[in-house]
N, C-alpha and C. Protein backbone atom coordinates (compact mmCIF):
# COMPACT_ATOMS: atom_id res chain seq x y z
N UNK A 1 -43.95 -63.32 -66.21
CA UNK A 1 -43.59 -62.14 -67.02
C UNK A 1 -44.35 -62.28 -68.42
N UNK A 2 -44.82 -61.45 -69.18
CA UNK A 2 -45.45 -61.83 -70.48
C UNK A 2 -44.42 -61.40 -71.44
N UNK A 3 -44.31 -62.04 -72.58
CA UNK A 3 -43.11 -61.86 -73.49
C UNK A 3 -43.92 -61.75 -75.05
N UNK A 4 -43.38 -60.77 -75.78
CA UNK A 4 -44.01 -60.59 -76.97
C UNK A 4 -43.12 -61.68 -77.97
N UNK A 5 -43.75 -62.94 -77.97
CA UNK A 5 -43.14 -63.97 -79.08
C UNK A 5 -44.14 -64.07 -79.99
N UNK A 6 -44.40 -63.53 -81.02
CA UNK A 6 -45.22 -63.87 -82.18
C UNK A 6 -44.95 -65.13 -83.10
N UNK A 7 -45.93 -65.92 -83.20
CA UNK A 7 -45.75 -67.38 -83.89
C UNK A 7 -45.25 -68.17 -83.14
N UNK A 8 -45.05 -68.18 -81.60
CA UNK A 8 -44.10 -68.98 -80.85
C UNK A 8 -45.43 -69.83 -80.02
N UNK A 9 -45.59 -70.98 -80.18
CA UNK A 9 -46.48 -71.55 -79.29
C UNK A 9 -45.86 -71.89 -77.99
N UNK A 10 -47.09 -71.89 -76.71
CA UNK A 10 -46.58 -72.15 -75.92
C UNK A 10 -46.06 -73.66 -75.44
N UNK A 11 -44.95 -73.92 -74.52
CA UNK A 11 -44.28 -74.90 -74.60
C UNK A 11 -43.19 -74.94 -73.36
N UNK A 12 -43.26 -75.97 -72.58
CA UNK A 12 -42.24 -75.89 -71.39
C UNK A 12 -43.03 -75.02 -70.49
N UNK A 13 -41.78 -74.16 -70.15
CA UNK A 13 -42.31 -73.01 -69.10
C UNK A 13 -43.07 -72.00 -69.75
N UNK A 14 -43.13 -71.86 -71.05
CA UNK A 14 -43.94 -70.85 -71.46
C UNK A 14 -45.49 -71.46 -71.53
N UNK A 15 -46.42 -70.34 -71.01
CA UNK A 15 -47.50 -70.67 -70.82
C UNK A 15 -48.19 -69.70 -71.93
N UNK A 16 -49.58 -70.20 -72.38
CA UNK A 16 -50.66 -69.53 -73.21
C UNK A 16 -50.88 -68.25 -72.11
N UNK A 17 -51.04 -66.84 -72.63
CA UNK A 17 -51.13 -65.91 -71.80
C UNK A 17 -52.61 -65.67 -71.65
N UNK A 18 -53.42 -66.28 -72.37
CA UNK A 18 -55.06 -66.31 -71.88
C UNK A 18 -55.36 -64.84 -71.78
N UNK A 19 -55.81 -64.23 -70.75
CA UNK A 19 -56.61 -62.95 -70.43
C UNK A 19 -55.73 -62.21 -69.68
N UNK A 20 -54.49 -62.69 -69.43
CA UNK A 20 -53.35 -61.89 -68.84
C UNK A 20 -53.23 -60.52 -69.38
N UNK A 21 -52.85 -60.45 -71.06
CA UNK A 21 -52.82 -59.64 -71.61
C UNK A 21 -52.92 -59.58 -73.10
N UNK A 22 -53.45 -59.16 -74.01
CA UNK A 22 -53.56 -59.18 -75.33
C UNK A 22 -52.52 -58.87 -76.00
N UNK A 23 -51.55 -57.99 -75.70
CA UNK A 23 -50.20 -57.58 -76.11
C UNK A 23 -49.20 -58.74 -75.95
N UNK A 24 -49.35 -59.44 -75.27
CA UNK A 24 -48.16 -60.45 -74.95
C UNK A 24 -48.53 -62.02 -75.05
N UNK A 25 -47.68 -62.64 -75.45
CA UNK A 25 -47.92 -63.79 -75.61
C UNK A 25 -46.67 -64.89 -76.17
N UNK A 26 -46.34 -65.80 -75.39
CA UNK A 26 -46.74 -66.36 -74.10
C UNK A 26 -46.31 -65.62 -72.99
N UNK A 27 -46.41 -66.55 -71.91
CA UNK A 27 -45.95 -65.70 -70.60
C UNK A 27 -44.84 -66.79 -70.11
N UNK A 28 -44.15 -66.44 -69.03
CA UNK A 28 -43.72 -67.24 -67.91
C UNK A 28 -43.98 -66.85 -66.65
N UNK A 29 -43.82 -67.82 -65.57
CA UNK A 29 -44.01 -67.71 -64.25
C UNK A 29 -42.63 -67.36 -63.55
N UNK A 30 -42.47 -66.26 -63.02
CA UNK A 30 -41.35 -66.19 -62.15
C UNK A 30 -41.67 -66.20 -60.69
N UNK A 31 -40.91 -67.05 -59.70
CA UNK A 31 -41.41 -66.86 -58.26
C UNK A 31 -40.20 -66.09 -57.74
N UNK A 32 -39.10 -66.50 -58.09
CA UNK A 32 -37.92 -65.52 -57.67
C UNK A 32 -37.05 -65.36 -58.57
N UNK A 33 -35.96 -64.70 -58.11
CA UNK A 33 -34.86 -64.28 -59.30
C UNK A 33 -34.16 -65.37 -59.51
N UNK A 34 -33.87 -66.24 -58.88
CA UNK A 34 -33.07 -67.62 -59.17
C UNK A 34 -33.69 -68.19 -60.28
N UNK A 35 -34.82 -68.01 -60.86
CA UNK A 35 -35.69 -68.59 -61.71
C UNK A 35 -35.28 -67.90 -63.28
N UNK A 36 -34.74 -66.80 -63.35
CA UNK A 36 -34.26 -66.04 -64.33
C UNK A 36 -33.12 -66.71 -64.73
N UNK A 37 -33.16 -67.63 -65.87
CA UNK A 37 -32.03 -68.22 -66.40
C UNK A 37 -31.66 -67.83 -67.73
N UNK A 38 -30.72 -68.56 -68.56
CA UNK A 38 -30.17 -68.63 -69.93
C UNK A 38 -31.24 -68.82 -70.92
N UNK A 39 -32.51 -69.64 -70.37
CA UNK A 39 -33.45 -69.99 -71.44
C UNK A 39 -34.40 -68.53 -71.44
N UNK A 40 -34.65 -68.07 -70.08
CA UNK A 40 -35.70 -67.02 -70.27
C UNK A 40 -34.79 -65.66 -70.68
N UNK A 41 -33.52 -65.39 -70.60
CA UNK A 41 -32.82 -64.37 -71.35
C UNK A 41 -32.96 -64.50 -73.10
N UNK A 42 -32.90 -66.00 -73.33
CA UNK A 42 -32.98 -66.27 -74.74
C UNK A 42 -34.12 -65.56 -75.21
N UNK A 43 -35.35 -66.14 -74.32
CA UNK A 43 -36.73 -65.47 -75.08
C UNK A 43 -36.97 -63.97 -75.12
N UNK A 44 -36.19 -63.23 -73.93
CA UNK A 44 -36.13 -61.94 -74.04
C UNK A 44 -35.36 -61.51 -75.34
N UNK A 45 -34.13 -62.02 -75.38
CA UNK A 45 -33.13 -61.47 -76.69
C UNK A 45 -34.20 -61.67 -77.78
N UNK A 46 -34.72 -62.99 -78.04
CA UNK A 46 -35.49 -63.35 -79.19
C UNK A 46 -36.77 -61.96 -79.34
N UNK A 47 -37.65 -61.55 -78.34
CA UNK A 47 -38.54 -61.05 -78.48
C UNK A 47 -37.75 -59.20 -78.62
N UNK A 48 -36.69 -58.97 -78.18
CA UNK A 48 -36.20 -57.98 -78.28
C UNK A 48 -35.98 -57.57 -79.99
N UNK A 49 -34.94 -58.62 -80.40
CA UNK A 49 -34.45 -58.79 -81.61
C UNK A 49 -36.05 -58.51 -82.90
N UNK A 50 -36.61 -59.11 -82.52
CA UNK A 50 -37.97 -59.26 -83.45
C UNK A 50 -38.53 -57.80 -83.50
N UNK A 51 -38.70 -57.06 -82.58
CA UNK A 51 -39.26 -55.77 -82.35
C UNK A 51 -38.41 -54.83 -82.97
N UNK A 52 -37.07 -54.82 -83.12
CA UNK A 52 -36.34 -53.95 -84.00
C UNK A 52 -36.48 -53.54 -85.18
């Protein structure tokens, strides 16, 4: 899943988006629903708040 988090360097589960999509950076790999946890929700909240 690509997340638009400007100024956040890849770390831990966050990977550089590379050529995945120029509009998102970084990205996180999700293989199954159980991998969506509070950490991912926090990144999504941060991206949502920054977009507003």
